[in-house]
Amino acid sequence: MSLNYQLFPISKPAKGAGGKTGNWRIVRPLVHEDKCVGCKACYIWCPEGTIIIKDGKVAVDYEYCKGCGVCSNVCPAKAIEMVSES
């Protein structure tokens, strides 16, 4: 019996129009790089897999981000703020 399984469900955004957000998102995450501690909690918990790791810090792929706010809620350093799209 194999015990190999994925600890965290990480989905990957599909390339192409099917996985893109479009113009319906109301809020989007704004990463304050000066506050980011590089813990990658947002990367692990993002249900769309839109968090990108760059030089130990995080960035967001806004083409696929749905603005759910999970990243902001799990960030222990409060480095991600949800801001209005307008």
PDB file of N, CA and C in Angstrom:
ATOM      1  N   MET A   1       0.844  -1.177   0.000  1.00  0.00           N
ATOM      2  CA  MET A   1       0.000   0.000   0.000  1.00  0.00           C
ATOM      3  C   MET A   1       0.891   1.242   0.000  1.00  0.00           C
ATOM      4  N   SER A   2       0.662   2.137  -0.939  1.00  0.00           N
ATOM      5  CA  SER A   2       1.451   3.341  -1.052  1.00  0.00           C
ATOM      6  C   SER A   2       0.838   4.469  -0.227  1.00  0.00           C
ATOM      7  N   LEU A   3       1.683   5.184   0.475  1.00  0.00           N
ATOM      8  CA  LEU A   3       1.216   6.335   1.250  1.00  0.00           C
ATOM      9  C   LEU A   3       1.627   7.644   0.604  1.00  0.00           C
ATOM     10  N   ASN A   4       1.965   7.598  -0.666  1.00  0.00           N
ATOM     11  CA  ASN A   4       2.333   8.818  -1.376  1.00  0.00           C
ATOM     12  C   ASN A   4       1.071   9.601  -1.712  1.00  0.00           C
ATOM     13  N   TYR A   5       0.959  10.768  -1.155  1.00  0.00           N
ATOM     14  CA  TYR A   5      -0.164  11.635  -1.466  1.00  0.00           C
ATOM     15  C   TYR A   5       0.280  13.072  -1.289  1.00  0.00           C
ATOM     16  N   GLN A   6      -0.475  13.962  -1.856  1.00  0.00           N
ATOM     17  CA  GLN A   6      -0.153  15.380  -1.791  1.00  0.00           C
ATOM     18  C   GLN A   6      -0.738  15.957  -0.511  1.00  0.00           C
ATOM     19  N   LEU A   7       0.091  16.600   0.291  1.00  0.00           N
ATOM     20  CA  LEU A   7      -0.379  17.144   1.559  1.00  0.00           C
ATOM     21  C   LEU A   7      -1.329  18.315   1.369  1.00  0.00           C
ATOM     22  N   PHE A   8      -1.047  19.162   0.392  1.00  0.00           N
ATOM     23  CA  PHE A   8      -1.867  20.338   0.184  1.00  0.00           C
ATOM     24  C   PHE A   8      -2.416  20.313  -1.241  1.00  0.00           C
ATOM     25  N   PRO A   9      -3.694  20.544  -1.408  1.00  0.00           N
ATOM     26  CA  PRO A   9      -4.253  20.573  -2.764  1.00  0.00           C
ATOM     27  C   PRO A   9      -3.868  21.862  -3.477  1.00  0.00           C
ATOM     28  N   ILE A  10      -2.956  21.768  -4.401  1.00  0.00           N
ATOM     29  CA  ILE A  10      -2.523  22.931  -5.168  1.00  0.00           C
ATOM     30  C   ILE A  10      -3.001  22.745  -6.594  1.00  0.00           C
ATOM     31  N   SER A  11      -3.835  23.646  -7.049  1.00  0.00           N
ATOM     32  CA  SER A  11      -4.282  23.586  -8.432  1.00  0.00           C
ATOM     33  C   SER A  11      -3.412  24.519  -9.256  1.00  0.00           C
ATOM     34  N   LYS A  12      -3.311  24.256 -10.497  1.00  0.00           N
ATOM     35  CA  LYS A  12      -2.532  25.081 -11.404  1.00  0.00           C
ATOM     36  C   LYS A  12      -3.472  25.739 -12.397  1.00  0.00           C
ATOM     37  N   PRO A  13      -3.314  27.044 -12.632  1.00  0.00           N
ATOM     38  CA  PRO A  13      -4.163  27.691 -13.622  1.00  0.00           C
ATOM     39  C   PRO A  13      -3.850  27.152 -15.006  1.00  0.00           C
ATOM     40  N   ALA A  14      -4.879  26.941 -15.761  1.00  0.00           N
ATOM     41  CA  ALA A  14      -4.691  26.455 -17.118  1.00  0.00           C
ATOM     42  C   ALA A  14      -4.358  27.614 -18.034  1.00  0.00           C
ATOM     43  N   LYS A  15      -3.443  27.399 -18.934  1.00  0.00           N
ATOM     44  CA  LYS A  15      -3.131  28.434 -19.905  1.00  0.00           C
ATOM     45  C   LYS A  15      -4.247  28.461 -20.935  1.00  0.00           C
ATOM     46  N   GLY A  16      -4.587  29.627 -21.378  1.00  0.00           N
ATOM     47  CA  GLY A  16      -5.677  29.770 -22.332  1.00  0.00           C
ATOM     48  C   GLY A  16      -6.818  30.527 -21.702  1.00  0.00           C
ATOM     49  N   ALA A  17      -7.794  30.869 -22.494  1.00  0.00           N
ATOM     50  CA  ALA A  17      -8.896  31.697 -22.035  1.00  0.00           C
ATOM     51  C   ALA A  17      -9.724  31.033 -20.952  1.00  0.00           C
ATOM     52  N   GLY A  18      -9.801  29.713 -20.900  1.00  0.00           N
ATOM     53  CA  GLY A  18     -10.631  29.009 -19.933  1.00  0.00           C
ATOM     54  C   GLY A  18     -10.256  29.277 -18.500  1.00  0.00           C
ATOM     55  N   GLY A  19      -8.958  29.453 -18.199  1.00  0.00           N
ATOM     56  CA  GLY A  19      -8.520  29.655 -16.825  1.00  0.00           C
ATOM     57  C   GLY A  19      -8.338  31.100 -16.425  1.00  0.00           C
ATOM     58  N   LYS A  20      -8.476  32.014 -17.381  1.00  0.00           N
ATOM     59  CA  LYS A  20      -8.257  33.417 -17.065  1.00  0.00           C
ATOM     60  C   LYS A  20      -9.438  34.010 -16.307  1.00  0.00           C
ATOM     61  N   THR A  21      -9.133  35.019 -15.508  1.00  0.00           N
ATOM     62  CA  THR A  21     -10.150  35.628 -14.659  1.00  0.00           C
ATOM     63  C   THR A  21     -11.161  36.446 -15.461  1.00  0.00           C
ATOM     64  N   GLY A  22     -10.714  37.163 -16.434  1.00  0.00           N
ATOM     65  CA  GLY A  22     -11.628  38.047 -17.146  1.00  0.00           C
ATOM     66  C   GLY A  22     -11.769  39.355 -16.405  1.00  0.00           C
ATOM     67  N   ASN A  23     -12.910  40.020 -16.541  1.00  0.00           N
ATOM     68  CA  ASN A  23     -13.064  41.339 -15.904  1.00  0.00           C
ATOM     69  C   ASN A  23     -14.088  41.327 -14.777  1.00  0.00           C
ATOM     70  N   TRP A  24     -14.396  40.164 -14.229  1.00  0.00           N
ATOM     71  CA  TRP A  24     -15.420  40.084 -13.192  1.00  0.00           C
ATOM     72  C   TRP A  24     -14.868  40.157 -11.775  1.00  0.00           C
ATOM     73  N   ARG A  25     -13.529  40.104 -11.586  1.00  0.00           N
ATOM     74  CA  ARG A  25     -12.956  40.128 -10.236  1.00  0.00           C
ATOM     75  C   ARG A  25     -13.231  41.489  -9.597  1.00  0.00           C
ATOM     76  N   ILE A  26     -13.633  41.495  -8.326  1.00  0.00           N
ATOM     77  CA  ILE A  26     -13.982  42.727  -7.609  1.00  0.00           C
ATOM     78  C   ILE A  26     -12.786  43.264  -6.826  1.00  0.00           C
ATOM     79  N   VAL A  27     -12.058  42.361  -6.168  1.00  0.00           N
ATOM     80  CA  VAL A  27     -10.869  42.754  -5.410  1.00  0.00           C
ATOM     81  C   VAL A  27      -9.689  41.896  -5.854  1.00  0.00           C
ATOM     82  N   ARG A  28      -8.481  42.437  -5.658  1.00  0.00           N
ATOM     83  CA  ARG A  28      -7.281  41.688  -6.014  1.00  0.00           C
ATOM     84  C   ARG A  28      -6.259  41.829  -4.889  1.00  0.00           C
ATOM     85  N   PRO A  29      -5.386  40.850  -4.745  1.00  0.00           N
ATOM     86  CA  PRO A  29      -4.374  40.938  -3.693  1.00  0.00           C
ATOM     87  C   PRO A  29      -3.236  41.867  -4.101  1.00  0.00           C
ATOM     88  N   LEU A  30      -2.803  42.682  -3.167  1.00  0.00           N
ATOM     89  CA  LEU A  30      -1.659  43.571  -3.373  1.00  0.00           C
ATOM     90  C   LEU A  30      -0.593  43.148  -2.363  1.00  0.00           C
ATOM     91  N   VAL A  31       0.557  42.715  -2.855  1.00  0.00           N
ATOM     92  CA  VAL A  31       1.630  42.226  -1.984  1.00  0.00           C
ATOM     93  C   VAL A  31       2.536  43.392  -1.602  1.00  0.00           C
ATOM     94  N   HIS A  32       2.694  43.592  -0.315  1.00  0.00           N
ATOM     95  CA  HIS A  32       3.635  44.593   0.194  1.00  0.00           C
ATOM     96  C   HIS A  32       4.969  43.876   0.402  1.00  0.00           C
ATOM     97  N   GLU A  33       5.869  44.023  -0.548  1.00  0.00           N
ATOM     98  CA  GLU A  33       7.132  43.285  -0.520  1.00  0.00           C
ATOM     99  C   GLU A  33       7.968  43.593   0.718  1.00  0.00           C
ATOM    100  N   ASP A  34       7.845  44.793   1.257  1.00  0.00           N
ATOM    101  CA  ASP A  34       8.619  45.137   2.445  1.00  0.00           C
ATOM    102  C   ASP A  34       8.163  44.367   3.682  1.00  0.00           C
ATOM    103  N   LYS A  35       6.924  43.874   3.671  1.00  0.00           N
ATOM    104  CA  LYS A  35       6.399  43.103   4.800  1.00  0.00           C
ATOM    105  C   LYS A  35       6.510  41.597   4.588  1.00  0.00           C
ATOM    106  N   CYS A  36       6.660  41.145   3.330  1.00  0.00           N
ATOM    107  CA  CYS A  36       6.698  39.722   3.025  1.00  0.00           C
ATOM    108  C   CYS A  36       7.932  39.076   3.662  1.00  0.00           C
ATOM    109  N   VAL A  37       7.701  37.984   4.402  1.00  0.00           N
ATOM    110  CA  VAL A  37       8.803  37.275   5.051  1.00  0.00           C
ATOM    111  C   VAL A  37       9.205  36.033   4.260  1.00  0.00           C
ATOM    112  N   GLY A  38       8.551  35.765   3.138  1.00  0.00           N
ATOM    113  CA  GLY A  38       8.916  34.639   2.285  1.00  0.00           C
ATOM    114  C   GLY A  38       8.539  33.279   2.849  1.00  0.00           C
ATOM    115  N   CYS A  39       7.487  33.202   3.662  1.00  0.00           N
ATOM    116  CA  CYS A  39       7.090  31.931   4.279  1.00  0.00           C
ATOM    117  C   CYS A  39       6.379  31.007   3.288  1.00  0.00           C
ATOM    118  N   LYS A  40       5.852  31.556   2.210  1.00  0.00           N
ATOM    119  CA  LYS A  40       5.160  30.831   1.144  1.00  0.00           C
ATOM    120  C   LYS A  40       3.821  30.216   1.576  1.00  0.00           C
ATOM    121  N   ALA A  41       3.241  30.675   2.670  1.00  0.00           N
ATOM    122  CA  ALA A  41       1.925  30.179   3.084  1.00  0.00           C
ATOM    123  C   ALA A  41       0.880  30.482   2.009  1.00  0.00           C
ATOM    124  N   CYS A  42       0.949  31.661   1.425  1.00  0.00           N
ATOM    125  CA  CYS A  42      -0.004  32.032   0.372  1.00  0.00           C
ATOM    126  C   CYS A  42       0.166  31.134  -0.852  1.00  0.00           C
ATOM    127  N   TYR A  43       1.392  30.784  -1.170  1.00  0.00           N
ATOM    128  CA  TYR A  43       1.678  29.897  -2.304  1.00  0.00           C
ATOM    129  C   TYR A  43       1.049  28.518  -2.071  1.00  0.00           C
ATOM    130  N   ILE A  44       1.169  28.028  -0.861  1.00  0.00           N
ATOM    131  CA  ILE A  44       0.637  26.697  -0.526  1.00  0.00           C
ATOM    132  C   ILE A  44      -0.887  26.682  -0.564  1.00  0.00           C
ATOM    133  N   TRP A  45      -1.517  27.720  -0.054  1.00  0.00           N
ATOM    134  CA  TRP A  45      -2.969  27.717   0.107  1.00  0.00           C
ATOM    135  C   TRP A  45      -3.751  28.317  -1.054  1.00  0.00           C
ATOM    136  N   CYS A  46      -3.117  28.966  -2.013  1.00  0.00           N
ATOM    137  CA  CYS A  46      -3.851  29.566  -3.139  1.00  0.00           C
ATOM    138  C   CYS A  46      -4.579  28.470  -3.915  1.00  0.00           C
ATOM    139  N   PRO A  47      -5.917  28.525  -3.983  1.00  0.00           N
ATOM    140  CA  PRO A  47      -6.665  27.474  -4.675  1.00  0.00           C
ATOM    141  C   PRO A  47      -6.495  27.500  -6.192  1.00  0.00           C
ATOM    142  N   GLU A  48      -6.012  28.611  -6.745  1.00  0.00           N
ATOM    143  CA  GLU A  48      -5.831  28.716  -8.189  1.00  0.00           C
ATOM    144  C   GLU A  48      -4.375  28.585  -8.609  1.00  0.00           C
ATOM    145  N   GLY A  49      -3.470  28.504  -7.666  1.00  0.00           N
ATOM    146  CA  GLY A  49      -2.056  28.379  -7.993  1.00  0.00           C
ATOM    147  C   GLY A  49      -1.496  29.597  -8.695  1.00  0.00           C
ATOM    148  N   THR A  50      -1.970  30.786  -8.309  1.00  0.00           N
ATOM    149  CA  THR A  50      -1.555  32.005  -9.002  1.00  0.00           C
ATOM    150  C   THR A  50      -0.441  32.762  -8.294  1.00  0.00           C
ATOM    151  N   ILE A  51       0.034  32.243  -7.179  1.00  0.00           N
ATOM    152  CA  ILE A  51       1.131  32.889  -6.462  1.00  0.00           C
ATOM    153  C   ILE A  51       2.443  32.408  -7.076  1.00  0.00           C
ATOM    154  N   ILE A  52       3.302  33.353  -7.381  1.00  0.00           N
ATOM    155  CA  ILE A  52       4.595  33.074  -8.003  1.00  0.00           C
ATOM    156  C   ILE A  52       5.694  33.462  -7.018  1.00  0.00           C
ATOM    157  N   ILE A  53       6.698  32.612  -6.882  1.00  0.00           N
ATOM    158  CA  ILE A  53       7.830  32.910  -6.011  1.00  0.00           C
ATOM    159  C   ILE A  53       8.943  33.517  -6.864  1.00  0.00           C
ATOM    160  N   LYS A  54       9.374  34.734  -6.474  1.00  0.00           N
ATOM    161  CA  LYS A  54      10.466  35.417  -7.171  1.00  0.00           C
ATOM    162  C   LYS A  54      11.453  35.923  -6.137  1.00  0.00           C
ATOM    163  N   ASP A  55      12.669  35.441  -6.190  1.00  0.00           N
ATOM    164  CA  ASP A  55      13.729  35.875  -5.273  1.00  0.00           C
ATOM    165  C   ASP A  55      13.304  35.762  -3.808  1.00  0.00           C
ATOM    166  N   GLY A  56      12.609  34.700  -3.457  1.00  0.00           N
ATOM    167  CA  GLY A  56      12.192  34.475  -2.078  1.00  0.00           C
ATOM    168  C   GLY A  56      10.953  35.246  -1.663  1.00  0.00           C
ATOM    169  N   LYS A  57      10.454  36.105  -2.504  1.00  0.00           N
ATOM    170  CA  LYS A  57       9.234  36.864  -2.215  1.00  0.00           C
ATOM    171  C   LYS A  57       8.126  36.361  -3.132  1.00  0.00           C
ATOM    172  N   VAL A  58       6.905  36.801  -2.887  1.00  0.00           N
ATOM    173  CA  VAL A  58       5.786  36.330  -3.691  1.00  0.00           C
ATOM    174  C   VAL A  58       5.255  37.425  -4.607  1.00  0.00           C
ATOM    175  N   ALA A  59       4.694  36.989  -5.709  1.00  0.00           N
ATOM    176  CA  ALA A  59       4.016  37.865  -6.651  1.00  0.00           C
ATOM    177  C   ALA A  59       2.742  37.145  -7.077  1.00  0.00           C
ATOM    178  N   VAL A  60       1.844  37.853  -7.712  1.00  0.00           N
ATOM    179  CA  VAL A  60       0.554  37.295  -8.096  1.00  0.00           C
ATOM    180  C   VAL A  60       0.403  37.345  -9.610  1.00  0.00           C
ATOM    181  N   ASP A  61      -0.057  36.248 -10.194  1.00  0.00           N
ATOM    182  CA  ASP A  61      -0.387  36.221 -11.619  1.00  0.00           C
ATOM    183  C   ASP A  61      -1.832  36.698 -11.743  1.00  0.00           C
ATOM    184  N   TYR A  62      -1.992  37.980 -12.051  1.00  0.00           N
ATOM    185  CA  TYR A  62      -3.331  38.578 -12.067  1.00  0.00           C
ATOM    186  C   TYR A  62      -4.193  38.094 -13.241  1.00  0.00           C
ATOM    187  N   GLU A  63      -3.616  37.475 -14.228  1.00  0.00           N
ATOM    188  CA  GLU A  63      -4.422  36.955 -15.337  1.00  0.00           C
ATOM    189  C   GLU A  63      -5.312  35.804 -14.868  1.00  0.00           C
ATOM    190  N   TYR A  64      -4.840  35.081 -13.833  1.00  0.00           N
ATOM    191  CA  TYR A  64      -5.578  33.909 -13.371  1.00  0.00           C
ATOM    192  C   TYR A  64      -6.136  34.052 -11.959  1.00  0.00           C
ATOM    193  N   CYS A  65      -5.692  35.055 -11.190  1.00  0.00           N
ATOM    194  CA  CYS A  65      -6.161  35.262  -9.821  1.00  0.00           C
ATOM    195  C   CYS A  65      -7.651  35.607  -9.833  1.00  0.00           C
ATOM    196  N   LYS A  66      -8.422  34.928  -8.971  1.00  0.00           N
ATOM    197  CA  LYS A  66      -9.869  35.160  -8.896  1.00  0.00           C
ATOM    198  C   LYS A  66     -10.239  36.136  -7.784  1.00  0.00           C
ATOM    199  N   GLY A  67      -9.257  36.533  -6.960  1.00  0.00           N
ATOM    200  CA  GLY A  67      -9.519  37.507  -5.897  1.00  0.00           C
ATOM    201  C   GLY A  67     -10.265  36.923  -4.718  1.00  0.00           C
ATOM    202  N   CYS A  68     -10.043  35.659  -4.418  1.00  0.00           N
ATOM    203  CA  CYS A  68     -10.790  35.006  -3.330  1.00  0.00           C
ATOM    204  C   CYS A  68     -10.338  35.478  -1.947  1.00  0.00           C
ATOM    205  N   GLY A  69      -9.087  35.917  -1.806  1.00  0.00           N
ATOM    206  CA  GLY A  69      -8.605  36.433  -0.532  1.00  0.00           C
ATOM    207  C   GLY A  69      -7.980  35.409   0.389  1.00  0.00           C
ATOM    208  N   VAL A  70      -7.869  34.173  -0.040  1.00  0.00           N
ATOM    209  CA  VAL A  70      -7.251  33.142   0.803  1.00  0.00           C
ATOM    210  C   VAL A  70      -5.809  33.534   1.132  1.00  0.00           C
ATOM    211  N   CYS A  71      -5.081  34.036   0.151  1.00  0.00           N
ATOM    212  CA  CYS A  71      -3.678  34.425   0.366  1.00  0.00           C
ATOM    213  C   CYS A  71      -3.574  35.484   1.463  1.00  0.00           C
ATOM    214  N   SER A  72      -4.456  36.442   1.432  1.00  0.00           N
ATOM    215  CA  SER A  72      -4.435  37.510   2.434  1.00  0.00           C
ATOM    216  C   SER A  72      -4.780  36.974   3.823  1.00  0.00           C
ATOM    217  N   ASN A  73      -5.707  36.051   3.872  1.00  0.00           N
ATOM    218  CA  ASN A  73      -6.130  35.496   5.165  1.00  0.00           C
ATOM    219  C   ASN A  73      -5.072  34.623   5.814  1.00  0.00           C
ATOM    220  N   VAL A  74      -4.252  33.909   5.019  1.00  0.00           N
ATOM    221  CA  VAL A  74      -3.269  32.998   5.608  1.00  0.00           C
ATOM    222  C   VAL A  74      -1.910  33.658   5.826  1.00  0.00           C
ATOM    223  N   CYS A  75      -1.702  34.853   5.323  1.00  0.00           N
ATOM    224  CA  CYS A  75      -0.394  35.517   5.444  1.00  0.00           C
ATOM    225  C   CYS A  75      -0.140  35.904   6.909  1.00  0.00           C
ATOM    226  N   PRO A  76       0.886  35.310   7.549  1.00  0.00           N
ATOM    227  CA  PRO A  76       1.143  35.621   8.962  1.00  0.00           C
ATOM    228  C   PRO A  76       1.726  37.018   9.165  1.00  0.00           C
ATOM    229  N   ALA A  77       2.327  37.591   8.126  1.00  0.00           N
ATOM    230  CA  ALA A  77       2.943  38.916   8.240  1.00  0.00           C
ATOM    231  C   ALA A  77       2.004  40.033   7.786  1.00  0.00           C
ATOM    232  N   LYS A  78       0.791  39.667   7.377  1.00  0.00           N
ATOM    233  CA  LYS A  78      -0.189  40.649   6.864  1.00  0.00           C
ATOM    234  C   LYS A  78       0.433  41.476   5.729  1.00  0.00           C
ATOM    235  N   ALA A  79       1.156  40.793   4.854  1.00  0.00           N
ATOM    236  CA  ALA A  79       1.832  41.458   3.733  1.00  0.00           C
ATOM    237  C   ALA A  79       0.959  41.539   2.494  1.00  0.00           C
ATOM    238  N   ILE A  80      -0.202  40.885   2.519  1.00  0.00           N
ATOM    239  CA  ILE A  80      -1.091  40.893   1.358  1.00  0.00           C
ATOM    240  C   ILE A  80      -2.392  41.579   1.738  1.00  0.00           C
ATOM    241  N   GLU A  81      -2.689  42.612   0.992  1.00  0.00           N
ATOM    242  CA  GLU A  81      -3.902  43.404   1.235  1.00  0.00           C
ATOM    243  C   GLU A  81      -4.831  43.230   0.036  1.00  0.00           C
ATOM    244  N   MET A  82      -6.104  43.041   0.281  1.00  0.00           N
ATOM    245  CA  MET A  82      -7.079  42.951  -0.801  1.00  0.00           C
ATOM    246  C   MET A  82      -7.560  44.366  -1.108  1.00  0.00           C
ATOM    247  N   VAL A  83      -7.377  44.769  -2.374  1.00  0.00           N
ATOM    248  CA  VAL A  83      -7.756  46.118  -2.785  1.00  0.00           C
ATOM    249  C   VAL A  83      -8.792  46.039  -3.900  1.00  0.00           C
ATOM    250  N   SER A  84      -9.584  47.078  -4.012  1.00  0.00           N
ATOM    251  CA  SER A  84     -10.636  47.124  -5.018  1.00  0.00           C
ATOM    252  C   SER A  84     -10.041  47.209  -6.420  1.00  0.00           C
ATOM    253  N   GLU A  85     -10.689  46.589  -7.376  1.00  0.00           N
ATOM    254  CA  GLU A  85     -10.246  46.651  -8.768  1.00  0.00           C
ATOM    255  C   GLU A  85     -10.493  48.026  -9.366  1.00  0.00           C
ATOM    256  N   SER A  86     -11.441  48.773  -8.837  1.00  0.00           N
ATOM    257  CA  SER A  86     -11.755  50.083  -9.431  1.00  0.00           C
ATOM    258  C   SER A  86     -10.882  51.182  -8.883  1.00  0.00           C
TER     259      SER A  86
END
